[in-house]
PDB file of N, CA and C in Angstrom:
ATOM      1  N   MET A   1      -8.965  10.296  -5.451  1.00  0.00           N
ATOM      2  CA  MET A   1      -7.744  10.166  -6.221  1.00  0.00           C
ATOM      3  C   MET A   1      -6.835   9.163  -5.508  1.00  0.00           C
ATOM      4  N   PRO A   2      -6.265   8.217  -6.244  1.00  0.00           N
ATOM      5  CA  PRO A   2      -5.406   7.196  -5.627  1.00  0.00           C
ATOM      6  C   PRO A   2      -4.111   7.776  -5.060  1.00  0.00           C
ATOM      7  N   THR A   3      -3.593   7.078  -4.056  1.00  0.00           N
ATOM      8  CA  THR A   3      -2.313   7.434  -3.454  1.00  0.00           C
ATOM      9  C   THR A   3      -1.284   6.388  -3.876  1.00  0.00           C
ATOM     10  N   TYR A   4      -0.134   6.835  -4.342  1.00  0.00           N
ATOM     11  CA  TYR A   4       0.936   5.956  -4.786  1.00  0.00           C
ATOM     12  C   TYR A   4       2.170   6.178  -3.928  1.00  0.00           C
ATOM     13  N   ALA A   5       2.899   5.101  -3.664  1.00  0.00           N
ATOM     14  CA  ALA A   5       4.129   5.177  -2.872  1.00  0.00           C
ATOM     15  C   ALA A   5       5.324   5.144  -3.815  1.00  0.00           C
ATOM     16  N   TYR A   6       6.307   5.966  -3.502  1.00  0.00           N
ATOM     17  CA  TYR A   6       7.528   6.064  -4.297  1.00  0.00           C
ATOM     18  C   TYR A   6       8.736   6.010  -3.364  1.00  0.00           C
ATOM     19  N   ARG A   7       9.885   5.630  -3.911  1.00  0.00           N
ATOM     20  CA  ARG A   7      11.145   5.670  -3.162  1.00  0.00           C
ATOM     21  C   ARG A   7      12.175   6.406  -4.007  1.00  0.00           C
ATOM     22  N   CYS A   8      12.909   7.279  -3.334  1.00  0.00           N
ATOM     23  CA  CYS A   8      13.973   8.033  -3.994  1.00  0.00           C
ATOM     24  C   CYS A   8      15.237   7.182  -3.988  1.00  0.00           C
ATOM     25  N   ARG A   9      15.860   7.050  -5.128  1.00  0.00           N
ATOM     26  CA  ARG A   9      17.093   6.267  -5.224  1.00  0.00           C
ATOM     27  C   ARG A   9      18.296   7.051  -4.715  1.00  0.00           C
ATOM     28  N   ASP A  10      18.188   8.372  -4.654  1.00  0.00           N
ATOM     29  CA  ASP A  10      19.306   9.195  -4.180  1.00  0.00           C
ATOM     30  C   ASP A  10      19.375   9.229  -2.658  1.00  0.00           C
ATOM     31  N   CYS A  11      18.259   9.559  -2.011  1.00  0.00           N
ATOM     32  CA  CYS A  11      18.274   9.711  -0.545  1.00  0.00           C
ATOM     33  C   CYS A  11      17.561   8.568   0.178  1.00  0.00           C
ATOM     34  N   THR A  12      17.018   7.598  -0.549  1.00  0.00           N
ATOM     35  CA  THR A  12      16.287   6.419  -0.049  1.00  0.00           C
ATOM     36  C   THR A  12      15.020   6.759   0.732  1.00  0.00           C
ATOM     37  N   GLU A  13      14.531   7.988   0.640  1.00  0.00           N
ATOM     38  CA  GLU A  13      13.278   8.360   1.309  1.00  0.00           C
ATOM     39  C   GLU A  13      12.102   7.722   0.583  1.00  0.00           C
ATOM     40  N   THR A  14      11.131   7.232   1.361  1.00  0.00           N
ATOM     41  CA  THR A  14       9.883   6.716   0.822  1.00  0.00           C
ATOM     42  C   THR A  14       8.817   7.773   1.062  1.00  0.00           C
ATOM     43  N   PHE A  15       8.009   8.039   0.040  1.00  0.00           N
ATOM     44  CA  PHE A  15       6.985   9.072   0.153  1.00  0.00           C
ATOM     45  C   PHE A  15       5.772   8.679  -0.663  1.00  0.00           C
ATOM     46  N   GLU A  16       4.651   9.345  -0.410  1.00  0.00           N
ATOM     47  CA  GLU A  16       3.404   9.066  -1.107  1.00  0.00           C
ATOM     48  C   GLU A  16       2.928  10.313  -1.825  1.00  0.00           C
ATOM     49  N   LEU A  17       2.280  10.094  -2.965  1.00  0.00           N
ATOM     50  CA  LEU A  17       1.683  11.178  -3.728  1.00  0.00           C
ATOM     51  C   LEU A  17       0.275  10.787  -4.135  1.00  0.00           C
ATOM     52  N   GLN A  18      -0.636  11.727  -4.064  1.00  0.00           N
ATOM     53  CA  GLN A  18      -1.973  11.526  -4.614  1.00  0.00           C
ATOM     54  C   GLN A  18      -1.941  12.089  -6.023  1.00  0.00           C
ATOM     55  N   ARG A  19      -2.273  11.242  -6.977  1.00  0.00           N
ATOM     56  CA  ARG A  19      -2.285  11.682  -8.370  1.00  0.00           C
ATOM     57  C   ARG A  19      -3.234  10.818  -9.171  1.00  0.00           C
ATOM     58  N   PRO A  20      -3.696  11.319 -10.302  1.00  0.00           N
ATOM     59  CA  PRO A  20      -4.600  10.520 -11.144  1.00  0.00           C
ATOM     60  C   PRO A  20      -3.922   9.234 -11.603  1.00  0.00           C
ATOM     61  N   MET A  21      -4.715   8.210 -11.863  1.00  0.00           N
ATOM     62  CA  MET A  21      -4.167   6.933 -12.327  1.00  0.00           C
ATOM     63  C   MET A  21      -3.368   7.117 -13.614  1.00  0.00           C
ATOM     64  N   SER A  22      -3.775   8.039 -14.455  1.00  0.00           N
ATOM     65  CA  SER A  22      -3.076   8.268 -15.714  1.00  0.00           C
ATOM     66  C   SER A  22      -1.659   8.802 -15.505  1.00  0.00           C
ATOM     67  N   GLU A  23      -1.360   9.324 -14.300  1.00  0.00           N
ATOM     68  CA  GLU A  23      -0.031   9.857 -14.003  1.00  0.00           C
ATOM     69  C   GLU A  23       0.768   8.978 -13.045  1.00  0.00           C
ATOM     70  N   SER A  24       0.262   7.779 -12.741  1.00  0.00           N
ATOM     71  CA  SER A  24       0.924   6.926 -11.748  1.00  0.00           C
ATOM     72  C   SER A  24       2.341   6.542 -12.151  1.00  0.00           C
ATOM     73  N   GLY A  25       2.615   6.409 -13.429  1.00  0.00           N
ATOM     74  CA  GLY A  25       3.939   6.025 -13.890  1.00  0.00           C
ATOM     75  C   GLY A  25       4.828   7.197 -14.266  1.00  0.00           C
ATOM     76  N   SER A  26       4.292   8.408 -14.152  1.00  0.00           N
ATOM     77  CA  SER A  26       5.078   9.599 -14.489  1.00  0.00           C
ATOM     78  C   SER A  26       6.163   9.833 -13.443  1.00  0.00           C
ATOM     79  N   PRO A  27       7.254  10.487 -13.822  1.00  0.00           N
ATOM     80  CA  PRO A  27       8.307  10.787 -12.840  1.00  0.00           C
ATOM     81  C   PRO A  27       7.754  11.552 -11.641  1.00  0.00           C
ATOM     82  N   ALA A  28       8.265  11.228 -10.460  1.00  0.00           N
ATOM     83  CA  ALA A  28       7.827  11.879  -9.227  1.00  0.00           C
ATOM     84  C   ALA A  28       9.030  12.536  -8.571  1.00  0.00           C
ATOM     85  N   LEU A  29       8.847  13.740  -8.092  1.00  0.00           N
ATOM     86  CA  LEU A  29       9.898  14.479  -7.402  1.00  0.00           C
ATOM     87  C   LEU A  29       9.815  14.163  -5.914  1.00  0.00           C
ATOM     88  N   CYS A  30      10.926  13.705  -5.315  1.00  0.00           N
ATOM     89  CA  CYS A  30      10.916  13.386  -3.888  1.00  0.00           C
ATOM     90  C   CYS A  30      10.907  14.680  -3.069  1.00  0.00           C
ATOM     91  N   PRO A  31      10.528  14.606  -1.792  1.00  0.00           N
ATOM     92  CA  PRO A  31      10.512  15.798  -0.941  1.00  0.00           C
ATOM     93  C   PRO A  31      11.869  16.488  -0.846  1.00  0.00           C
ATOM     94  N   GLY A  32      12.960  15.751  -1.082  1.00  0.00           N
ATOM     95  CA  GLY A  32      14.292  16.331  -1.049  1.00  0.00           C
ATOM     96  C   GLY A  32      14.697  16.992  -2.362  1.00  0.00           C
ATOM     97  N   GLY A  33      13.813  16.914  -3.364  1.00  0.00           N
ATOM     98  CA  GLY A  33      14.076  17.550  -4.644  1.00  0.00           C
ATOM     99  C   GLY A  33      14.751  16.671  -5.682  1.00  0.00           C
ATOM    100  N   HIS A  34      14.951  15.400  -5.379  1.00  0.00           N
ATOM    101  CA  HIS A  34      15.606  14.486  -6.315  1.00  0.00           C
ATOM    102  C   HIS A  34      14.596  13.961  -7.336  1.00  0.00           C
ATOM    103  N   THR A  35      15.078  13.639  -8.506  1.00  0.00           N
ATOM    104  CA  THR A  35      14.193  13.151  -9.562  1.00  0.00           C
ATOM    105  C   THR A  35      14.341  11.661  -9.848  1.00  0.00           C
ATOM    106  N   ASP A  36      15.341  10.995  -9.281  1.00  0.00           N
ATOM    107  CA  ASP A  36      15.562   9.569  -9.527  1.00  0.00           C
ATOM    108  C   ASP A  36      14.718   8.763  -8.549  1.00  0.00           C
ATOM    109  N   THR A  37      13.450   8.574  -8.894  1.00  0.00           N
ATOM    110  CA  THR A  37      12.511   7.879  -8.011  1.00  0.00           C
ATOM    111  C   THR A  37      11.901   6.693  -8.737  1.00  0.00           C
ATOM    112  N   VAL A  38      11.374   5.772  -7.962  1.00  0.00           N
ATOM    113  CA  VAL A  38      10.727   4.591  -8.503  1.00  0.00           C
ATOM    114  C   VAL A  38       9.419   4.367  -7.752  1.00  0.00           C
ATOM    115  N   LYS A  39       8.371   3.979  -8.493  1.00  0.00           N
ATOM    116  CA  LYS A  39       7.076   3.688  -7.875  1.00  0.00           C
ATOM    117  C   LYS A  39       7.143   2.314  -7.216  1.00  0.00           C
ATOM    118  N   LEU A  40       6.636   2.224  -5.987  1.00  0.00           N
ATOM    119  CA  LEU A  40       6.648   0.968  -5.244  1.00  0.00           C
ATOM    120  C   LEU A  40       5.344   0.226  -5.443  1.00  0.00           C
ATOM    121  N   LEU A  41       5.416  -1.082  -5.382  1.00  0.00           N
ATOM    122  CA  LEU A  41       4.203  -1.889  -5.396  1.00  0.00           C
ATOM    123  C   LEU A  41       3.628  -1.880  -3.992  1.00  0.00           C
ATOM    124  N   THR A  42       2.358  -1.608  -3.885  1.00  0.00           N
ATOM    125  CA  THR A  42       1.713  -1.552  -2.582  1.00  0.00           C
ATOM    126  C   THR A  42       0.541  -2.508  -2.559  1.00  0.00           C
ATOM    127  N   THR A  43       0.131  -2.862  -1.364  1.00  0.00           N
ATOM    128  CA  THR A  43      -1.041  -3.713  -1.206  1.00  0.00           C
ATOM    129  C   THR A  43      -2.188  -2.877  -0.675  1.00  0.00           C
ATOM    130  N   VAL A  44      -3.385  -3.307  -0.988  1.00  0.00           N
ATOM    131  CA  VAL A  44      -4.575  -2.610  -0.531  1.00  0.00           C
ATOM    132  C   VAL A  44      -5.272  -3.505   0.468  1.00  0.00           C
ATOM    133  N   ALA A  45      -5.559  -2.966   1.630  1.00  0.00           N
ATOM    134  CA  ALA A  45      -6.278  -3.733   2.646  1.00  0.00           C
ATOM    135  C   ALA A  45      -7.762  -3.383   2.549  1.00  0.00           C
ATOM    136  N   LEU A  46      -8.567  -4.378   2.320  1.00  0.00           N
ATOM    137  CA  LEU A  46     -10.007  -4.182   2.265  1.00  0.00           C
ATOM    138  C   LEU A  46     -10.611  -4.749   3.534  1.00  0.00           C
ATOM    139  N   THR A  47     -11.529  -4.014   4.109  1.00  0.00           N
ATOM    140  CA  THR A  47     -12.192  -4.505   5.310  1.00  0.00           C
ATOM    141  C   THR A  47     -13.653  -4.745   5.006  1.00  0.00           C
ATOM    142  N   GLY A  48     -14.256  -5.553   5.823  1.00  0.00           N
ATOM    143  CA  GLY A  48     -15.661  -5.857   5.625  1.00  0.00           C
ATOM    144  C   GLY A  48     -15.804  -7.150   4.855  1.00  0.00           C
ATOM    145  N   SER A  49     -17.017  -7.638   4.824  1.00  0.00           N
ATOM    146  CA  SER A  49     -17.277  -8.890   4.155  1.00  0.00           C
ATOM    147  C   SER A  49     -18.721  -8.923   3.702  1.00  0.00           C
ATOM    148  N   ALA A  50     -18.944  -9.482   2.538  1.00  0.00           N
ATOM    149  CA  ALA A  50     -20.305  -9.609   2.030  1.00  0.00           C
ATOM    150  C   ALA A  50     -21.009 -10.778   2.694  1.00  0.00           C
ATOM    151  N   ALA A  51     -20.245 -11.748   3.186  1.00  0.00           N
ATOM    152  CA  ALA A  51     -20.829 -12.928   3.823  1.00  0.00           C
ATOM    153  C   ALA A  51     -20.268 -13.049   5.234  1.00  0.00           C
ATOM    154  N   PRO A  52     -21.031 -13.657   6.124  1.00  0.00           N
ATOM    155  CA  PRO A  52     -20.504 -13.843   7.483  1.00  0.00           C
ATOM    156  C   PRO A  52     -19.304 -14.779   7.476  1.00  0.00           C
ATOM    157  N   ALA A  53     -18.400 -14.574   8.417  1.00  0.00           N
ATOM    158  CA  ALA A  53     -17.215 -15.423   8.527  1.00  0.00           C
ATOM    159  C   ALA A  53     -17.638 -16.839   8.907  1.00  0.00           C
ATOM    160  N   PRO A  54     -16.959 -17.824   8.334  1.00  0.00           N
ATOM    161  CA  PRO A  54     -17.303 -19.211   8.661  1.00  0.00           C
ATOM    162  C   PRO A  54     -16.957 -19.512  10.125  1.00  0.00           C
ATOM    163  N   SER A  55     -17.746 -20.370  10.728  1.00  0.00           N
ATOM    164  CA  SER A  55     -17.455 -20.759  12.108  1.00  0.00           C
ATOM    165  C   SER A  55     -16.368 -21.827  12.090  1.00  0.00           C
ATOM    166  N   GLY A  56     -15.750 -22.018  13.224  1.00  0.00           N
ATOM    167  CA  GLY A  56     -14.674 -23.004  13.302  1.00  0.00           C
ATOM    168  C   GLY A  56     -13.351 -22.361  12.951  1.00  0.00           C
ATOM    169  N   GLY A  57     -12.487 -23.088  12.320  1.00  0.00           N
ATOM    170  CA  GLY A  57     -11.169 -22.554  12.002  1.00  0.00           C
ATOM    171  C   GLY A  57     -10.301 -22.546  13.231  1.00  0.00           C
ATOM    172  N   CYS A  58      -9.116 -22.028  13.137  1.00  0.00           N
ATOM    173  CA  CYS A  58      -8.177 -22.061  14.232  1.00  0.00           C
ATOM    174  C   CYS A  58      -8.709 -21.325  15.462  1.00  0.00           C
ATOM    175  N   CYS A  59      -8.881 -20.039  15.359  1.00  0.00           N
ATOM    176  CA  CYS A  59      -9.289 -19.276  16.548  1.00  0.00           C
ATOM    177  C   CYS A  59     -10.743 -19.541  16.945  1.00  0.00           C
ATOM    178  N   GLY A  60     -11.580 -19.833  15.962  1.00  0.00           N
ATOM    179  CA  GLY A  60     -12.966 -20.154  16.288  1.00  0.00           C
ATOM    180  C   GLY A  60     -13.115 -21.562  16.856  1.00  0.00           C
ATOM    181  N   GLY A  61     -12.114 -22.414  16.605  1.00  0.00           N
ATOM    182  CA  GLY A  61     -12.175 -23.788  17.063  1.00  0.00           C
ATOM    183  C   GLY A  61     -11.455 -24.012  18.383  1.00  0.00           C
ATOM    184  N   GLY A  62     -10.818 -22.988  18.920  1.00  0.00           N
ATOM    185  CA  GLY A  62     -10.190 -23.102  20.223  1.00  0.00           C
ATOM    186  C   GLY A  62      -8.745 -23.536  20.224  1.00  0.00           C
ATOM    187  N   CYS A  63      -8.106 -23.724  19.057  1.00  0.00           N
ATOM    188  CA  CYS A  63      -6.729 -24.175  19.045  1.00  0.00           C
ATOM    189  C   CYS A  63      -5.742 -23.042  19.374  1.00  0.00           C
ATOM    190  N   CYS A  64      -6.219 -21.812  19.462  1.00  0.00           N
ATOM    191  CA  CYS A  64      -5.345 -20.672  19.778  1.00  0.00           C
ATOM    192  C   CYS A  64      -5.300 -20.415  21.286  1.00  0.00           C
ATOM    193  N   GLY A  65      -5.879 -21.259  22.053  1.00  0.00           N
ATOM    194  CA  GLY A  65      -5.907 -21.087  23.493  1.00  0.00           C
ATOM    195  C   GLY A  65      -7.047 -20.195  23.939  1.00  0.00           C
ATOM    196  N   GLY A  66      -7.983 -19.894  23.035  1.00  0.00           N
ATOM    197  CA  GLY A  66      -9.059 -18.981  23.396  1.00  0.00           C
ATOM    198  C   GLY A  66     -10.352 -19.593  23.586  1.00  0.00           C
TER     199      GLY A  66
END
């Protein structure tokens, strides 16, 4: 089940909820009990790669001092 981040407009607390995608836009109750919340846009970090990383580049080419 996806996790969504929300912010309370009353107490400015940021919190996360696990809920079905069909309920992602539904009102969310903050931990402080307030109902004036807004869903935040979040980024997803994916790790791994289907192909090997290209050689060279900044750090592979030695320009980073390495």
